[in-house]
């Protein structure tokens, strides 16, 4: 595709939005899972262990064996049209793009879905944005609660991929939206919709993905942001400490992670006589292995084995209308003042005459 450098330099910069989720294997197979885990667990933002120590563990023990164990879990949640996280992220991006459509003859604002690990990569999304003439880009990591392990890693990857650009695009980013009113309202609406359809459980479990305790001790704000999200959601639903809990799931390894642990809290709730337990994962923008297999299946079985009757998982916001509206509003705030415009033909003619 031929680009006119004169036109490019005098055109009103086009704006775009990059939505980035965590990522997923390309298929529920050991080979695809191995590639995905290799990229994910090689990120120094995720694993803060010196390479000399971590590399033998990763390549000698984890990557040779763990993918085969995970293949069944991924297969159990896989949709006909692909990985749930990818399907929902693409649908969310399409909804946000429709919500940002200019109308009145204004050019549409493109929204590019990307994955921090796996496909479509951040590199491919940035290349697509460049090909579309985007000079001003809003980056929205789809992690409501900031952590160095997630949001910061996305921004690392964005800057790494732009480091070789001669003319870098102007960037704005959403750091966190843990207390955004639209996001909280969308969460509350999803819980009420679940209650209307299935009846109200005796307790609401709000489970977030964990991080190692030492990351929090070193200054990562994630734990505090999760608790604020939970408090705001509980207030919106008129719940108190006796009818809801905040927990952390998906711990890995033997070092302590953020507590209380979701699995242990599930056991305690069953022992305390809770029979119908509602569970929501407010830190996940899209359903994925941790919500559909770990929470709904593994923890559902665990709750019943501990004496409970049913753990009813409340789906992630995915591409629900309220979620699309919330993310669209976040994008609009960043886009304010970055209005796309048309080429000024007179300016092009004057510049070309000078050259």
Foldseek 3Di string as FASTA:
>chain_A
DDDDVLLLVQFQAAEAEEEEEADDFFALALVSVLQQCVVLVVDCLAPVDPCVVVVCCCVVPCSVPVSVVCSVLQVVQADPVGFQLVVLQVLLQVLLQVVQQDPPPAHGHHYFYAHCTDPPHPLVSVVVCVVVRHQEYEYEYLFQFAWSSGQVSVVVVNCVSCVPPPRHGHYHYDRHNLPPPLLLVLVLVLQVVCCVVPNDFQAEEAEEAKGFPVSVVVPTCRVVSSVVSVVSNCVVVVHDPRRYDYAHEDDDDDGHIDDDHPLVVLLVCQVVPGAEYEYEHSRDQTDGSCQVRVPQPVSQVSNVVSRHHGYHYRGHSRNPPSSSVSVSVVVVVVCVVSGGDGGDVVSSVVVVVVD
